[in-house]
N, C-alpha and C. Protein backbone atom coordinates (compact mmCIF):
# COMPACT_ATOMS: atom_id res chain seq x y z
N MET A 1 17.97 -74.85 -92.71
CA MET A 1 17.57 -75.59 -91.54
C MET A 1 18.57 -75.40 -90.40
N LYS A 2 19.83 -75.41 -90.74
CA LYS A 2 20.86 -75.24 -89.71
C LYS A 2 20.70 -73.90 -89.00
N ASP A 3 20.44 -72.84 -89.76
CA ASP A 3 20.27 -71.52 -89.16
C ASP A 3 19.10 -71.49 -88.19
N LEU A 4 18.00 -72.14 -88.56
CA LEU A 4 16.83 -72.22 -87.70
C LEU A 4 17.17 -72.94 -86.40
N LEU A 5 17.86 -74.07 -86.51
CA LEU A 5 18.25 -74.84 -85.34
C LEU A 5 19.16 -74.05 -84.41
N VAL A 6 20.16 -73.39 -84.98
CA VAL A 6 21.09 -72.59 -84.17
C VAL A 6 20.34 -71.45 -83.47
N MET A 7 19.45 -70.80 -84.18
CA MET A 7 18.70 -69.69 -83.60
C MET A 7 17.87 -70.16 -82.40
N ILE A 8 17.19 -71.28 -82.54
CA ILE A 8 16.37 -71.81 -81.46
C ILE A 8 17.25 -72.21 -80.27
N LEU A 9 18.32 -72.93 -80.55
CA LEU A 9 19.20 -73.38 -79.48
C LEU A 9 19.79 -72.22 -78.69
N LYS A 10 20.22 -71.19 -79.38
CA LYS A 10 20.82 -70.04 -78.69
C LYS A 10 19.83 -69.31 -77.80
N GLN A 11 18.55 -69.45 -78.08
CA GLN A 11 17.53 -68.80 -77.27
C GLN A 11 17.21 -69.57 -75.99
N ILE A 12 17.47 -70.88 -75.97
CA ILE A 12 17.04 -71.68 -74.82
C ILE A 12 18.18 -72.05 -73.87
N VAL A 13 19.45 -71.87 -74.27
CA VAL A 13 20.57 -72.29 -73.43
C VAL A 13 21.13 -71.14 -72.60
N ASN A 14 21.95 -71.49 -71.62
CA ASN A 14 22.60 -70.49 -70.77
C ASN A 14 23.89 -69.96 -71.37
N TYR A 15 24.55 -70.74 -72.21
CA TYR A 15 25.81 -70.35 -72.84
C TYR A 15 25.68 -70.40 -74.37
N PRO A 16 24.99 -69.42 -74.94
CA PRO A 16 24.72 -69.45 -76.39
C PRO A 16 25.97 -69.37 -77.26
N ASP A 17 27.04 -68.77 -76.75
CA ASP A 17 28.26 -68.66 -77.55
C ASP A 17 28.97 -70.00 -77.74
N GLU A 18 28.63 -70.98 -76.92
CA GLU A 18 29.28 -72.28 -77.01
C GLU A 18 28.50 -73.29 -77.87
N ILE A 19 27.42 -72.85 -78.46
CA ILE A 19 26.62 -73.74 -79.33
C ILE A 19 27.32 -73.89 -80.67
N GLU A 20 27.53 -75.14 -81.07
CA GLU A 20 28.08 -75.45 -82.40
C GLU A 20 27.20 -76.52 -83.02
N VAL A 21 26.83 -76.31 -84.27
CA VAL A 21 26.01 -77.29 -84.98
C VAL A 21 26.74 -77.66 -86.27
N GLU A 22 27.00 -78.95 -86.40
CA GLU A 22 27.66 -79.45 -87.62
C GLU A 22 26.60 -80.14 -88.49
N GLU A 23 26.60 -79.79 -89.75
CA GLU A 23 25.66 -80.37 -90.71
C GLU A 23 26.38 -81.39 -91.57
N GLN A 24 25.89 -82.62 -91.59
CA GLN A 24 26.49 -83.68 -92.40
C GLN A 24 25.46 -84.20 -93.39
N VAL A 25 25.80 -84.14 -94.66
CA VAL A 25 24.92 -84.64 -95.71
C VAL A 25 25.42 -86.02 -96.12
N ASP A 26 24.52 -86.98 -96.16
CA ASP A 26 24.87 -88.35 -96.54
C ASP A 26 25.31 -88.39 -98.00
N GLU A 27 26.46 -89.00 -98.27
CA GLU A 27 26.98 -89.07 -99.64
C GLU A 27 26.11 -89.95 -100.52
N ASN A 28 25.54 -91.02 -99.96
CA ASN A 28 24.73 -91.95 -100.74
C ASN A 28 23.31 -91.44 -100.96
N ASP A 29 22.83 -90.60 -100.04
CA ASP A 29 21.48 -90.05 -100.13
C ASP A 29 21.53 -88.56 -99.78
N PRO A 30 21.69 -87.70 -100.79
CA PRO A 30 21.84 -86.27 -100.50
C PRO A 30 20.60 -85.62 -99.87
N THR A 31 19.49 -86.34 -99.81
CA THR A 31 18.31 -85.78 -99.15
C THR A 31 18.33 -86.01 -97.65
N PHE A 32 19.30 -86.82 -97.16
CA PHE A 32 19.41 -87.11 -95.73
C PHE A 32 20.46 -86.20 -95.10
N VAL A 33 20.04 -85.45 -94.07
CA VAL A 33 20.94 -84.51 -93.39
C VAL A 33 20.95 -84.84 -91.90
N LYS A 34 22.16 -84.89 -91.33
CA LYS A 34 22.32 -85.12 -89.90
C LYS A 34 22.93 -83.87 -89.27
N PHE A 35 22.32 -83.42 -88.17
CA PHE A 35 22.83 -82.27 -87.43
C PHE A 35 23.40 -82.76 -86.11
N LEU A 36 24.65 -82.41 -85.84
CA LEU A 36 25.32 -82.77 -84.60
C LEU A 36 25.45 -81.52 -83.75
N ILE A 37 24.87 -81.54 -82.56
CA ILE A 37 24.88 -80.38 -81.66
C ILE A 37 25.98 -80.58 -80.63
N ASN A 38 26.84 -79.59 -80.51
CA ASN A 38 27.86 -79.58 -79.48
C ASN A 38 27.58 -78.37 -78.60
N ALA A 39 27.41 -78.60 -77.30
CA ALA A 39 27.06 -77.52 -76.37
C ALA A 39 27.77 -77.72 -75.05
N ASN A 40 27.71 -76.71 -74.22
CA ASN A 40 28.25 -76.76 -72.86
C ASN A 40 27.55 -77.90 -72.11
N ASN A 41 28.29 -78.56 -71.21
CA ASN A 41 27.72 -79.68 -70.46
C ASN A 41 26.45 -79.30 -69.71
N GLU A 42 26.40 -78.11 -69.14
CA GLU A 42 25.21 -77.67 -68.42
C GLU A 42 24.03 -77.48 -69.37
N ASP A 43 24.30 -77.08 -70.59
CA ASP A 43 23.23 -76.82 -71.55
C ASP A 43 22.66 -78.08 -72.17
N ARG A 44 23.39 -79.18 -72.12
CA ARG A 44 22.88 -80.42 -72.71
C ARG A 44 21.58 -80.85 -72.06
N GLY A 45 21.51 -80.71 -70.75
CA GLY A 45 20.27 -81.06 -70.05
C GLY A 45 19.11 -80.17 -70.46
N ILE A 46 19.40 -78.90 -70.70
CA ILE A 46 18.36 -77.97 -71.15
C ILE A 46 17.89 -78.36 -72.55
N ILE A 47 18.83 -78.70 -73.41
CA ILE A 47 18.48 -79.07 -74.78
C ILE A 47 17.64 -80.35 -74.80
N ILE A 48 17.99 -81.31 -73.97
CA ILE A 48 17.23 -82.56 -73.93
C ILE A 48 15.87 -82.32 -73.27
N GLY A 49 15.86 -81.59 -72.17
CA GLY A 49 14.61 -81.27 -71.50
C GLY A 49 14.10 -82.41 -70.64
N LYS A 50 13.09 -82.10 -69.86
CA LYS A 50 12.51 -83.10 -68.96
C LYS A 50 11.84 -84.19 -69.78
N LYS A 51 12.26 -85.42 -69.54
CA LYS A 51 11.76 -86.60 -70.27
C LYS A 51 11.97 -86.48 -71.78
N GLY A 52 12.92 -85.65 -72.21
CA GLY A 52 13.23 -85.53 -73.63
C GLY A 52 12.26 -84.69 -74.43
N HIS A 53 11.43 -83.92 -73.76
CA HIS A 53 10.41 -83.15 -74.46
C HIS A 53 11.00 -82.04 -75.34
N THR A 54 12.05 -81.39 -74.88
CA THR A 54 12.62 -80.29 -75.66
C THR A 54 13.28 -80.79 -76.93
N ILE A 55 14.10 -81.84 -76.82
CA ILE A 55 14.76 -82.38 -78.01
C ILE A 55 13.72 -82.95 -78.97
N ALA A 56 12.65 -83.52 -78.46
CA ALA A 56 11.58 -84.04 -79.32
C ALA A 56 10.91 -82.90 -80.08
N ALA A 57 10.69 -81.78 -79.41
CA ALA A 57 10.08 -80.62 -80.06
C ALA A 57 11.02 -80.07 -81.14
N LEU A 58 12.32 -80.02 -80.84
CA LEU A 58 13.29 -79.57 -81.86
C LEU A 58 13.27 -80.49 -83.07
N ARG A 59 13.20 -81.79 -82.82
CA ARG A 59 13.14 -82.75 -83.93
C ARG A 59 11.86 -82.55 -84.75
N ASP A 60 10.75 -82.26 -84.08
CA ASP A 60 9.49 -82.01 -84.78
C ASP A 60 9.59 -80.79 -85.68
N VAL A 61 10.16 -79.71 -85.15
CA VAL A 61 10.31 -78.47 -85.95
C VAL A 61 11.19 -78.73 -87.16
N LEU A 62 12.32 -79.43 -86.94
CA LEU A 62 13.21 -79.72 -88.07
C LEU A 62 12.56 -80.66 -89.08
N SER A 63 11.77 -81.60 -88.60
CA SER A 63 11.07 -82.52 -89.51
C SER A 63 10.09 -81.78 -90.40
N ILE A 64 9.38 -80.82 -89.83
CA ILE A 64 8.44 -80.03 -90.62
C ILE A 64 9.19 -79.24 -91.70
N LYS A 65 10.29 -78.62 -91.31
CA LYS A 65 11.11 -77.87 -92.26
C LYS A 65 11.68 -78.80 -93.32
N ALA A 66 12.10 -80.00 -92.91
CA ALA A 66 12.69 -80.96 -93.85
C ALA A 66 11.66 -81.43 -94.88
N VAL A 67 10.43 -81.65 -94.45
CA VAL A 67 9.38 -82.08 -95.38
C VAL A 67 9.16 -81.02 -96.46
N ARG A 68 9.17 -79.77 -96.04
CA ARG A 68 9.00 -78.68 -97.01
C ARG A 68 10.13 -78.62 -98.03
N GLU A 69 11.32 -79.10 -97.62
CA GLU A 69 12.49 -79.07 -98.51
C GLU A 69 12.77 -80.44 -99.13
N ASN A 70 11.84 -81.39 -98.98
CA ASN A 70 12.00 -82.75 -99.50
C ASN A 70 13.28 -83.41 -99.00
N LYS A 71 13.51 -83.32 -97.70
CA LYS A 71 14.69 -83.91 -97.09
C LYS A 71 14.29 -84.74 -95.88
N LYS A 72 15.24 -85.55 -95.42
CA LYS A 72 15.09 -86.30 -94.18
C LYS A 72 16.15 -85.77 -93.22
N VAL A 73 15.81 -85.68 -91.95
CA VAL A 73 16.72 -85.06 -91.01
C VAL A 73 16.86 -85.91 -89.74
N ARG A 74 18.05 -85.84 -89.16
CA ARG A 74 18.32 -86.50 -87.88
C ARG A 74 19.07 -85.50 -87.00
N LEU A 75 18.75 -85.51 -85.72
CA LEU A 75 19.34 -84.56 -84.77
C LEU A 75 19.99 -85.35 -83.64
N GLU A 76 21.28 -85.04 -83.37
CA GLU A 76 22.00 -85.73 -82.30
C GLU A 76 22.79 -84.74 -81.48
N ILE A 77 22.94 -85.05 -80.19
CA ILE A 77 23.79 -84.25 -79.30
C ILE A 77 25.10 -85.00 -79.13
N VAL A 78 26.21 -84.30 -79.38
CA VAL A 78 27.54 -84.91 -79.30
C VAL A 78 28.05 -84.79 -77.87
N ASP A 79 28.64 -85.88 -77.36
CA ASP A 79 29.22 -85.86 -76.02
C ASP A 79 30.61 -85.26 -76.04
């Protein structure tokens, strides 16, 4: 899932080399995965998108992938 997220993010931002995604697995529930996105300040607006449509679409794609892998996923942008 992380590779898919990184691939998509690098295609939509202006500074793809500055994209970092950290994957955190919950110790109490190993089926729960949180992805923390760290990007250039200019790219954060692109990732969120107008009215949050882009980040919502990314969450939808990850949710579909997570269901196939019997996992739960959360996506956050780090300041």
